[in-house]
Amino acid sequence: MSEHSPDDETEPNAGPEAELPGTDDLRVAAVAAACTVGLTLLLQYGLGREVPLVWRLLPLGPYFVSLFTKRLPLGGLDTPRNWSLLTVAVTLATLLYFGVVA
């Protein structure tokens, strides 16, 4: 039986630069949450519009789509940056629709 110290065993992802599993999902979730809250506040207090809850939850859509498409081969499009940009685009489109059109 050989004794090993914890310093003898090195793991390839054991450095401070290693990412935790699920960090990408958390980034997209944080952007979706911020966009949802921001959209609600801007519509209600900034524009004085009373918009139904379903419409105010639209920025959460891209986040859930990103979760459900994890197993699909999307290639280079499946990045947290792209999902976050899509979330911001959906938020701005919703704000523009209810701020100008509706």
PDB file of N, CA and C in Angstrom:
ATOM      1  N   MET A   1       0.841  -1.154   0.000  1.00  0.00           N
ATOM      2  CA  MET A   1       0.000   0.000   0.000  1.00  0.00           C
ATOM      3  C   MET A   1       0.903   1.239   0.000  1.00  0.00           C
ATOM      4  N   SER A   2       0.783   2.041  -0.996  1.00  0.00           N
ATOM      5  CA  SER A   2       1.607   3.240  -1.054  1.00  0.00           C
ATOM      6  C   SER A   2       0.805   4.445  -0.590  1.00  0.00           C
ATOM      7  N   GLU A   3       1.479   5.318   0.085  1.00  0.00           N
ATOM      8  CA  GLU A   3       0.818   6.512   0.582  1.00  0.00           C
ATOM      9  C   GLU A   3       1.073   7.660  -0.386  1.00  0.00           C
ATOM     10  N   HIS A   4       0.016   8.340  -0.715  1.00  0.00           N
ATOM     11  CA  HIS A   4       0.119   9.483  -1.619  1.00  0.00           C
ATOM     12  C   HIS A   4      -0.325  10.729  -0.880  1.00  0.00           C
ATOM     13  N   SER A   5       0.382  11.763  -1.099  1.00  0.00           N
ATOM     14  CA  SER A   5      -0.075  13.034  -0.543  1.00  0.00           C
ATOM     15  C   SER A   5      -0.994  13.695  -1.567  1.00  0.00           C
ATOM     16  N   PRO A   6      -1.851  14.587  -1.136  1.00  0.00           N
ATOM     17  CA  PRO A   6      -2.750  15.255  -2.077  1.00  0.00           C
ATOM     18  C   PRO A   6      -1.997  16.062  -3.128  1.00  0.00           C
ATOM     19  N   ASP A   7      -0.750  16.438  -2.829  1.00  0.00           N
ATOM     20  CA  ASP A   7       0.026  17.218  -3.792  1.00  0.00           C
ATOM     21  C   ASP A   7       0.541  16.356  -4.935  1.00  0.00           C
ATOM     22  N   ASP A   8       0.622  15.041  -4.722  1.00  0.00           N
ATOM     23  CA  ASP A   8       1.127  14.152  -5.759  1.00  0.00           C
ATOM     24  C   ASP A   8       0.134  13.991  -6.907  1.00  0.00           C
ATOM     25  N   GLU A   9      -1.119  14.051  -6.594  1.00  0.00           N
ATOM     26  CA  GLU A   9      -2.140  13.848  -7.605  1.00  0.00           C
ATOM     27  C   GLU A   9      -2.575  15.197  -8.155  1.00  0.00           C
ATOM     28  N   THR A  10      -2.433  15.329  -9.434  1.00  0.00           N
ATOM     29  CA  THR A  10      -2.873  16.566 -10.079  1.00  0.00           C
ATOM     30  C   THR A  10      -3.983  16.230 -11.060  1.00  0.00           C
ATOM     31  N   GLU A  11      -4.980  17.051 -11.045  1.00  0.00           N
ATOM     32  CA  GLU A  11      -6.070  16.882 -11.986  1.00  0.00           C
ATOM     33  C   GLU A  11      -5.930  17.937 -13.063  1.00  0.00           C
ATOM     34  N   PRO A  12      -6.348  17.636 -14.285  1.00  0.00           N
ATOM     35  CA  PRO A  12      -6.174  18.604 -15.361  1.00  0.00           C
ATOM     36  C   PRO A  12      -6.970  19.892 -15.145  1.00  0.00           C
ATOM     37  N   ASN A  13      -8.051  19.848 -14.408  1.00  0.00           N
ATOM     38  CA  ASN A  13      -8.886  21.032 -14.200  1.00  0.00           C
ATOM     39  C   ASN A  13      -8.781  21.571 -12.782  1.00  0.00           C
ATOM     40  N   ALA A  14      -7.665  21.336 -12.118  1.00  0.00           N
ATOM     41  CA  ALA A  14      -7.553  21.690 -10.711  1.00  0.00           C
ATOM     42  C   ALA A  14      -6.995  23.087 -10.479  1.00  0.00           C
ATOM     43  N   GLY A  15      -6.846  23.897 -11.490  1.00  0.00           N
ATOM     44  CA  GLY A  15      -6.290  25.235 -11.315  1.00  0.00           C
ATOM     45  C   GLY A  15      -7.355  26.258 -10.997  1.00  0.00           C
ATOM     46  N   PRO A  16      -6.928  27.455 -10.618  1.00  0.00           N
ATOM     47  CA  PRO A  16      -7.895  28.502 -10.305  1.00  0.00           C
ATOM     48  C   PRO A  16      -8.657  28.976 -11.535  1.00  0.00           C
ATOM     49  N   GLU A  17      -8.116  28.716 -12.711  1.00  0.00           N
ATOM     50  CA  GLU A  17      -8.798  29.132 -13.934  1.00  0.00           C
ATOM     51  C   GLU A  17      -9.846  28.124 -14.400  1.00  0.00           C
ATOM     52  N   ALA A  18      -9.959  26.997 -13.709  1.00  0.00           N
ATOM     53  CA  ALA A  18     -10.942  25.980 -14.084  1.00  0.00           C
ATOM     54  C   ALA A  18     -12.349  26.483 -13.786  1.00  0.00           C
ATOM     55  N   GLU A  19     -13.260  26.219 -14.713  1.00  0.00           N
ATOM     56  CA  GLU A  19     -14.645  26.646 -14.533  1.00  0.00           C
ATOM     57  C   GLU A  19     -15.445  25.554 -13.838  1.00  0.00           C
ATOM     58  N   LEU A  20     -16.380  25.982 -13.063  1.00  0.00           N
ATOM     59  CA  LEU A  20     -17.285  25.042 -12.426  1.00  0.00           C
ATOM     60  C   LEU A  20     -18.294  24.550 -13.446  1.00  0.00           C
ATOM     61  N   PRO A  21     -18.783  23.327 -13.296  1.00  0.00           N
ATOM     62  CA  PRO A  21     -19.798  22.853 -14.231  1.00  0.00           C
ATOM     63  C   PRO A  21     -21.075  23.668 -14.072  1.00  0.00           C
ATOM     64  N   GLY A  22     -21.687  24.030 -15.184  1.00  0.00           N
ATOM     65  CA  GLY A  22     -22.930  24.782 -15.140  1.00  0.00           C
ATOM     66  C   GLY A  22     -22.741  26.283 -15.093  1.00  0.00           C
ATOM     67  N   THR A  23     -21.509  26.757 -15.160  1.00  0.00           N
ATOM     68  CA  THR A  23     -21.255  28.193 -15.105  1.00  0.00           C
ATOM     69  C   THR A  23     -21.875  28.900 -16.302  1.00  0.00           C
ATOM     70  N   ASP A  24     -21.829  28.273 -17.455  1.00  0.00           N
ATOM     71  CA  ASP A  24     -22.430  28.878 -18.650  1.00  0.00           C
ATOM     72  C   ASP A  24     -23.931  29.054 -18.478  1.00  0.00           C
ATOM     73  N   ASP A  25     -24.581  28.051 -17.911  1.00  0.00           N
ATOM     74  CA  ASP A  25     -26.017  28.147 -17.671  1.00  0.00           C
ATOM     75  C   ASP A  25     -26.337  29.269 -16.694  1.00  0.00           C
ATOM     76  N   LEU A  26     -25.483  29.429 -15.691  1.00  0.00           N
ATOM     77  CA  LEU A  26     -25.702  30.494 -14.708  1.00  0.00           C
ATOM     78  C   LEU A  26     -25.549  31.875 -15.330  1.00  0.00           C
ATOM     79  N   ARG A  27     -24.623  32.006 -16.259  1.00  0.00           N
ATOM     80  CA  ARG A  27     -24.444  33.299 -16.940  1.00  0.00           C
ATOM     81  C   ARG A  27     -25.688  33.658 -17.750  1.00  0.00           C
ATOM     82  N   VAL A  28     -26.181  32.716 -18.503  1.00  0.00           N
ATOM     83  CA  VAL A  28     -27.373  32.975 -19.309  1.00  0.00           C
ATOM     84  C   VAL A  28     -28.583  33.216 -18.400  1.00  0.00           C
ATOM     85  N   ALA A  29     -28.687  32.473 -17.315  1.00  0.00           N
ATOM     86  CA  ALA A  29     -29.794  32.660 -16.370  1.00  0.00           C
ATOM     87  C   ALA A  29     -29.732  34.042 -15.726  1.00  0.00           C
ATOM     88  N   ALA A  30     -28.535  34.506 -15.403  1.00  0.00           N
ATOM     89  CA  ALA A  30     -28.393  35.835 -14.793  1.00  0.00           C
ATOM     90  C   ALA A  30     -28.816  36.929 -15.769  1.00  0.00           C
ATOM     91  N   VAL A  31     -28.433  36.787 -17.023  1.00  0.00           N
ATOM     92  CA  VAL A  31     -28.841  37.772 -18.034  1.00  0.00           C
ATOM     93  C   VAL A  31     -30.354  37.738 -18.225  1.00  0.00           C
ATOM     94  N   ALA A  32     -30.932  36.540 -18.273  1.00  0.00           N
ATOM     95  CA  ALA A  32     -32.383  36.415 -18.444  1.00  0.00           C
ATOM     96  C   ALA A  32     -33.130  37.014 -17.257  1.00  0.00           C
ATOM     97  N   ALA A  33     -32.634  36.780 -16.053  1.00  0.00           N
ATOM     98  CA  ALA A  33     -33.287  37.334 -14.866  1.00  0.00           C
ATOM     99  C   ALA A  33     -33.193  38.854 -14.857  1.00  0.00           C
ATOM    100  N   ALA A  34     -32.020  39.388 -15.167  1.00  0.00           N
ATOM    101  CA  ALA A  34     -31.847  40.841 -15.190  1.00  0.00           C
ATOM    102  C   ALA A  34     -32.719  41.486 -16.260  1.00  0.00           C
ATOM    103  N   CYS A  35     -32.805  40.849 -17.422  1.00  0.00           N
ATOM    104  CA  CYS A  35     -33.646  41.384 -18.495  1.00  0.00           C
ATOM    105  C   CYS A  35     -35.123  41.329 -18.128  1.00  0.00           C
ATOM    106  N   THR A  36     -35.541  40.274 -17.473  1.00  0.00           N
ATOM    107  CA  THR A  36     -36.941  40.143 -17.074  1.00  0.00           C
ATOM    108  C   THR A  36     -37.318  41.210 -16.056  1.00  0.00           C
ATOM    109  N   VAL A  37     -36.482  41.393 -15.064  1.00  0.00           N
ATOM    110  CA  VAL A  37     -36.755  42.415 -14.054  1.00  0.00           C
ATOM    111  C   VAL A  37     -36.679  43.813 -14.670  1.00  0.00           C
ATOM    112  N   GLY A  38     -35.663  44.046 -15.473  1.00  0.00           N
ATOM    113  CA  GLY A  38     -35.519  45.344 -16.126  1.00  0.00           C
ATOM    114  C   GLY A  38     -36.685  45.669 -17.036  1.00  0.00           C
ATOM    115  N   LEU A  39     -37.139  44.686 -17.802  1.00  0.00           N
ATOM    116  CA  LEU A  39     -38.282  44.890 -18.689  1.00  0.00           C
ATOM    117  C   LEU A  39     -39.525  45.246 -17.893  1.00  0.00           C
ATOM    118  N   THR A  40     -39.766  44.532 -16.825  1.00  0.00           N
ATOM    119  CA  THR A  40     -40.938  44.804 -15.990  1.00  0.00           C
ATOM    120  C   THR A  40     -40.879  46.210 -15.401  1.00  0.00           C
ATOM    121  N   LEU A  41     -39.728  46.586 -14.882  1.00  0.00           N
ATOM    122  CA  LEU A  41     -39.593  47.911 -14.284  1.00  0.00           C
ATOM    123  C   LEU A  41     -39.720  49.023 -15.323  1.00  0.00           C
ATOM    124  N   LEU A  42     -39.112  48.834 -16.488  1.00  0.00           N
ATOM    125  CA  LEU A  42     -39.206  49.853 -17.535  1.00  0.00           C
ATOM    126  C   LEU A  42     -40.628  50.000 -18.065  1.00  0.00           C
ATOM    127  N   LEU A  43     -41.304  48.879 -18.251  1.00  0.00           N
ATOM    128  CA  LEU A  43     -42.676  48.964 -18.750  1.00  0.00           C
ATOM    129  C   LEU A  43     -43.612  49.588 -17.725  1.00  0.00           C
ATOM    130  N   GLN A  44     -43.478  49.177 -16.489  1.00  0.00           N
ATOM    131  CA  GLN A  44     -44.421  49.628 -15.480  1.00  0.00           C
ATOM    132  C   GLN A  44     -44.126  51.043 -14.991  1.00  0.00           C
ATOM    133  N   TYR A  45     -42.865  51.327 -14.694  1.00  0.00           N
ATOM    134  CA  TYR A  45     -42.542  52.626 -14.109  1.00  0.00           C
ATOM    135  C   TYR A  45     -41.985  53.621 -15.130  1.00  0.00           C
ATOM    136  N   GLY A  46     -41.252  53.123 -16.104  1.00  0.00           N
ATOM    137  CA  GLY A  46     -40.684  54.017 -17.109  1.00  0.00           C
ATOM    138  C   GLY A  46     -41.699  54.488 -18.132  1.00  0.00           C
ATOM    139  N   LEU A  47     -42.505  53.548 -18.619  1.00  0.00           N
ATOM    140  CA  LEU A  47     -43.488  53.883 -19.647  1.00  0.00           C
ATOM    141  C   LEU A  47     -44.910  53.960 -19.121  1.00  0.00           C
ATOM    142  N   GLY A  48     -45.121  53.524 -17.906  1.00  0.00           N
ATOM    143  CA  GLY A  48     -46.462  53.563 -17.319  1.00  0.00           C
ATOM    144  C   GLY A  48     -47.440  52.606 -17.980  1.00  0.00           C
ATOM    145  N   ARG A  49     -46.924  51.500 -18.502  1.00  0.00           N
ATOM    146  CA  ARG A  49     -47.767  50.507 -19.172  1.00  0.00           C
ATOM    147  C   ARG A  49     -48.032  49.324 -18.257  1.00  0.00           C
ATOM    148  N   GLU A  50     -49.257  48.861 -18.243  1.00  0.00           N
ATOM    149  CA  GLU A  50     -49.609  47.637 -17.506  1.00  0.00           C
ATOM    150  C   GLU A  50     -49.662  46.504 -18.525  1.00  0.00           C
ATOM    151  N   VAL A  51     -48.626  45.672 -18.521  1.00  0.00           N
ATOM    152  CA  VAL A  51     -48.481  44.590 -19.499  1.00  0.00           C
ATOM    153  C   VAL A  51     -48.696  43.270 -18.769  1.00  0.00           C
ATOM    154  N   PRO A  52     -49.448  42.339 -19.369  1.00  0.00           N
ATOM    155  CA  PRO A  52     -49.669  41.038 -18.727  1.00  0.00           C
ATOM    156  C   PRO A  52     -48.358  40.304 -18.428  1.00  0.00           C
ATOM    157  N   LEU A  53     -48.399  39.475 -17.403  1.00  0.00           N
ATOM    158  CA  LEU A  53     -47.218  38.766 -16.920  1.00  0.00           C
ATOM    159  C   LEU A  53     -46.561  37.908 -18.001  1.00  0.00           C
ATOM    160  N   VAL A  54     -47.348  37.276 -18.822  1.00  0.00           N
ATOM    161  CA  VAL A  54     -46.789  36.392 -19.856  1.00  0.00           C
ATOM    162  C   VAL A  54     -45.842  37.153 -20.768  1.00  0.00           C
ATOM    163  N   TRP A  55     -46.195  38.354 -21.143  1.00  0.00           N
ATOM    164  CA  TRP A  55     -45.351  39.162 -22.020  1.00  0.00           C
ATOM    165  C   TRP A  55     -44.094  39.630 -21.298  1.00  0.00           C
ATOM    166  N   ARG A  56     -44.203  39.906 -20.008  1.00  0.00           N
ATOM    167  CA  ARG A  56     -43.047  40.361 -19.248  1.00  0.00           C
ATOM    168  C   ARG A  56     -42.062  39.228 -18.981  1.00  0.00           C
ATOM    169  N   LEU A  57     -42.502  37.984 -19.124  1.00  0.00           N
ATOM    170  CA  LEU A  57     -41.622  36.832 -18.921  1.00  0.00           C
ATOM    171  C   LEU A  57     -40.935  36.360 -20.203  1.00  0.00           C
ATOM    172  N   LEU A  58     -41.143  37.057 -21.300  1.00  0.00           N
ATOM    173  CA  LEU A  58     -40.537  36.657 -22.577  1.00  0.00           C
ATOM    174  C   LEU A  58     -39.010  36.533 -22.541  1.00  0.00           C
ATOM    175  N   PRO A  59     -38.282  37.381 -21.815  1.00  0.00           N
ATOM    176  CA  PRO A  59     -36.821  37.205 -21.799  1.00  0.00           C
ATOM    177  C   PRO A  59     -36.357  35.874 -21.215  1.00  0.00           C
ATOM    178  N   LEU A  60     -37.209  35.183 -20.493  1.00  0.00           N
ATOM    179  CA  LEU A  60     -36.826  33.863 -19.978  1.00  0.00           C
ATOM    180  C   LEU A  60     -36.871  32.795 -21.068  1.00  0.00           C
ATOM    181  N   GLY A  61     -37.549  33.071 -22.166  1.00  0.00           N
ATOM    182  CA  GLY A  61     -37.691  32.104 -23.256  1.00  0.00           C
ATOM    183  C   GLY A  61     -36.371  31.604 -23.812  1.00  0.00           C
ATOM    184  N   PRO A  62     -35.456  32.496 -24.229  1.00  0.00           N
ATOM    185  CA  PRO A  62     -34.173  32.002 -24.760  1.00  0.00           C
ATOM    186  C   PRO A  62     -33.378  31.172 -23.757  1.00  0.00           C
ATOM    187  N   TYR A  63     -33.494  31.491 -22.481  1.00  0.00           N
ATOM    188  CA  TYR A  63     -32.790  30.690 -21.473  1.00  0.00           C
ATOM    189  C   TYR A  63     -33.313  29.259 -21.463  1.00  0.00           C
ATOM    190  N   PHE A  64     -34.632  29.101 -21.467  1.00  0.00           N
ATOM    191  CA  PHE A  64     -35.193  27.751 -21.451  1.00  0.00           C
ATOM    192  C   PHE A  64     -34.914  27.020 -22.764  1.00  0.00           C
ATOM    193  N   VAL A  65     -34.917  27.736 -23.869  1.00  0.00           N
ATOM    194  CA  VAL A  65     -34.554  27.104 -25.140  1.00  0.00           C
ATOM    195  C   VAL A  65     -33.109  26.634 -25.091  1.00  0.00           C
ATOM    196  N   SER A  66     -32.222  27.438 -24.487  1.00  0.00           N
ATOM    197  CA  SER A  66     -30.819  27.018 -24.380  1.00  0.00           C
ATOM    198  C   SER A  66     -30.675  25.769 -23.530  1.00  0.00           C
ATOM    199  N   LEU A  67     -31.495  25.649 -22.493  1.00  0.00           N
ATOM    200  CA  LEU A  67     -31.437  24.447 -21.661  1.00  0.00           C
ATOM    201  C   LEU A  67     -31.919  23.207 -22.407  1.00  0.00           C
ATOM    202  N   PHE A  68     -32.993  23.363 -23.178  1.00  0.00           N
ATOM    203  CA  PHE A  68     -33.581  22.211 -23.856  1.00  0.00           C
ATOM    204  C   PHE A  68     -32.835  21.806 -25.118  1.00  0.00           C
ATOM    205  N   THR A  69     -31.957  22.665 -25.618  1.00  0.00           N
ATOM    206  CA  THR A  69     -31.210  22.331 -26.828  1.00  0.00           C
ATOM    207  C   THR A  69     -29.771  21.937 -26.540  1.00  0.00           C
ATOM    208  N   LYS A  70     -29.451  21.626 -25.297  1.00  0.00           N
ATOM    209  CA  LYS A  70     -28.079  21.254 -24.936  1.00  0.00           C
ATOM    210  C   LYS A  70     -27.587  20.031 -25.697  1.00  0.00           C
ATOM    211  N   ARG A  71     -28.458  19.124 -26.000  1.00  0.00           N
ATOM    212  CA  ARG A  71     -28.038  17.879 -26.652  1.00  0.00           C
ATOM    213  C   ARG A  71     -28.061  17.956 -28.174  1.00  0.00           C
ATOM    214  N   LEU A  72     -28.502  19.081 -28.713  1.00  0.00           N
ATOM    215  CA  LEU A  72     -28.496  19.253 -30.161  1.00  0.00           C
ATOM    216  C   LEU A  72     -27.147  19.794 -30.617  1.00  0.00           C
ATOM    217  N   PRO A  73     -26.674  19.331 -31.756  1.00  0.00           N
ATOM    218  CA  PRO A  73     -25.382  19.820 -32.256  1.00  0.00           C
ATOM    219  C   PRO A  73     -25.540  21.187 -32.941  1.00  0.00           C
ATOM    220  N   LEU A  74     -25.462  22.264 -32.165  1.00  0.00           N
ATOM    221  CA  LEU A  74     -25.618  23.609 -32.715  1.00  0.00           C
ATOM    222  C   LEU A  74     -24.290  24.232 -33.120  1.00  0.00           C
ATOM    223  N   GLY A  75     -23.197  23.556 -32.828  1.00  0.00           N
ATOM    224  CA  GLY A  75     -21.885  24.032 -33.227  1.00  0.00           C
ATOM    225  C   GLY A  75     -21.473  25.292 -32.497  1.00  0.00           C
ATOM    226  N   GLY A  76     -20.948  26.252 -33.249  1.00  0.00           N
ATOM    227  CA  GLY A  76     -20.446  27.484 -32.673  1.00  0.00           C
ATOM    228  C   GLY A  76     -21.526  28.436 -32.209  1.00  0.00           C
ATOM    229  N   LEU A  77     -22.768  28.158 -32.555  1.00  0.00           N
ATOM    230  CA  LEU A  77     -23.851  29.041 -32.126  1.00  0.00           C
ATOM    231  C   LEU A  77     -24.235  28.836 -30.671  1.00  0.00           C
ATOM    232  N   ASP A  78     -23.894  27.704 -30.121  1.00  0.00           N
ATOM    233  CA  ASP A  78     -24.294  27.353 -28.757  1.00  0.00           C
ATOM    234  C   ASP A  78     -23.271  27.870 -27.746  1.00  0.00           C
ATOM    235  N   THR A  79     -23.255  29.188 -27.566  1.00  0.00           N
ATOM    236  CA  THR A  79     -22.355  29.807 -26.599  1.00  0.00           C
ATOM    237  C   THR A  79     -23.174  30.669 -25.643  1.00  0.00           C
ATOM    238  N   PRO A  80     -22.696  30.871 -24.434  1.00  0.00           N
ATOM    239  CA  PRO A  80     -23.421  31.742 -23.495  1.00  0.00           C
ATOM    240  C   PRO A  80     -23.571  33.159 -24.029  1.00  0.00           C
ATOM    241  N   ARG A  81     -22.575  33.613 -24.767  1.00  0.00           N
ATOM    242  CA  ARG A  81     -22.642  34.962 -25.339  1.00  0.00           C
ATOM    243  C   ARG A  81     -23.798  35.084 -26.324  1.00  0.00           C
ATOM    244  N   ASN A  82     -23.953  34.112 -27.199  1.00  0.00           N
ATOM    245  CA  ASN A  82     -25.037  34.154 -28.184  1.00  0.00           C
ATOM    246  C   ASN A  82     -26.406  34.058 -27.526  1.00  0.00           C
ATOM    247  N   TRP A  83     -26.539  33.188 -26.522  1.00  0.00           N
ATOM    248  CA  TRP A  83     -27.822  33.064 -25.832  1.00  0.00           C
ATOM    249  C   TRP A  83     -28.136  34.344 -25.061  1.00  0.00           C
ATOM    250  N   SER A  84     -27.115  34.957 -24.499  1.00  0.00           N
ATOM    251  CA  SER A  84     -27.330  36.220 -23.778  1.00  0.00           C
ATOM    252  C   SER A  84     -27.736  37.333 -24.739  1.00  0.00           C
ATOM    253  N   LEU A  85     -27.089  37.392 -25.897  1.00  0.00           N
ATOM    254  CA  LEU A  85     -27.459  38.395 -26.896  1.00  0.00           C
ATOM    255  C   LEU A  85     -28.883  38.183 -27.404  1.00  0.00           C
ATOM    256  N   LEU A  86     -29.270  36.928 -27.575  1.00  0.00           N
ATOM    257  CA  LEU A  86     -30.640  36.641 -27.985  1.00  0.00           C
ATOM    258  C   LEU A  86     -31.632  37.078 -26.908  1.00  0.00           C
ATOM    259  N   THR A  87     -31.283  36.873 -25.652  1.00  0.00           N
ATOM    260  CA  THR A  87     -32.141  37.300 -24.551  1.00  0.00           C
ATOM    261  C   THR A  87     -32.301  38.815 -24.539  1.00  0.00           C
ATOM    262  N   VAL A  88     -31.212  39.534 -24.724  1.00  0.00           N
ATOM    263  CA  VAL A  88     -31.272  40.996 -24.768  1.00  0.00           C
ATOM    264  C   VAL A  88     -32.093  41.461 -25.971  1.00  0.00           C
ATOM    265  N   ALA A  89     -31.936  40.791 -27.115  1.00  0.00           N
ATOM    266  CA  ALA A  89     -32.705  41.154 -28.306  1.00  0.00           C
ATOM    267  C   ALA A  89     -34.204  40.941 -28.098  1.00  0.00           C
ATOM    268  N   VAL A  90     -34.572  39.839 -27.464  1.00  0.00           N
ATOM    269  CA  VAL A  90     -35.984  39.579 -27.174  1.00  0.00           C
ATOM    270  C   VAL A  90     -36.528  40.636 -26.214  1.00  0.00           C
ATOM    271  N   THR A  91     -35.721  41.011 -25.236  1.00  0.00           N
ATOM    272  CA  THR A  91     -36.138  42.039 -24.275  1.00  0.00           C
ATOM    273  C   THR A  91     -36.357  43.378 -24.973  1.00  0.00           C
ATOM    274  N   LEU A  92     -35.415  43.771 -25.814  1.00  0.00           N
ATOM    275  CA  LEU A  92     -35.548  45.043 -26.523  1.00  0.00           C
ATOM    276  C   LEU A  92     -36.722  45.037 -27.496  1.00  0.00           C
ATOM    277  N   ALA A  93     -36.942  43.906 -28.163  1.00  0.00           N
ATOM    278  CA  ALA A  93     -38.080  43.811 -29.084  1.00  0.00           C
ATOM    279  C   ALA A  93     -39.400  43.916 -28.331  1.00  0.00           C
ATOM    280  N   THR A  94     -39.481  43.282 -27.168  1.00  0.00           N
ATOM    281  CA  THR A  94     -40.694  43.366 -26.346  1.00  0.00           C
ATOM    282  C   THR A  94     -40.912  44.784 -25.847  1.00  0.00           C
ATOM    283  N   LEU A  95     -39.845  45.420 -25.394  1.00  0.00           N
ATOM    284  CA  LEU A  95     -39.937  46.797 -24.920  1.00  0.00           C
ATOM    285  C   LEU A  95     -40.342  47.731 -26.054  1.00  0.00           C
ATOM    286  N   LEU A  96     -39.773  47.547 -27.207  1.00  0.00           N
ATOM    287  CA  LEU A  96     -40.125  48.368 -28.370  1.00  0.00           C
ATOM    288  C   LEU A  96     -41.570  48.153 -28.773  1.00  0.00           C
ATOM    289  N   TYR A  97     -42.019  46.917 -28.783  1.00  0.00           N
ATOM    290  CA  TYR A  97     -43.409  46.638 -29.170  1.00  0.00           C
ATOM    291  C   TYR A  97     -44.392  47.296 -28.221  1.00  0.00           C
ATOM    292  N   PHE A  98     -44.193  47.100 -26.928  1.00  0.00           N
ATOM    293  CA  PHE A  98     -45.149  47.649 -25.971  1.00  0.00           C
ATOM    294  C   PHE A  98     -44.943  49.127 -25.717  1.00  0.00           C
ATOM    295  N   GLY A  99     -43.765  49.643 -26.020  1.00  0.00           N
ATOM    296  CA  GLY A  99     -43.503  51.053 -25.839  1.00  0.00           C
ATOM    297  C   GLY A  99     -43.943  51.904 -26.998  1.00  0.00           C
ATOM    298  N   VAL A 100     -43.918  51.354 -28.200  1.00  0.00           N
ATOM    299  CA  VAL A 100     -44.227  52.148 -29.394  1.00  0.00           C
ATOM    300  C   VAL A 100     -45.497  51.675 -30.091  1.00  0.00           C
ATOM    301  N   VAL A 101     -45.601  50.413 -30.356  1.00  0.00           N
ATOM    302  CA  VAL A 101     -46.698  49.880 -31.177  1.00  0.00           C
ATOM    303  C   VAL A 101     -47.982  49.722 -30.389  1.00  0.00           C
ATOM    304  N   ALA A 102     -47.913  49.038 -29.270  1.00  0.00           N
ATOM    305  CA  ALA A 102     -49.144  48.724 -28.529  1.00  0.00           C
ATOM    306  C   ALA A 102     -49.614  49.878 -27.681  1.00  0.00           C
TER     307      ALA A 102
END
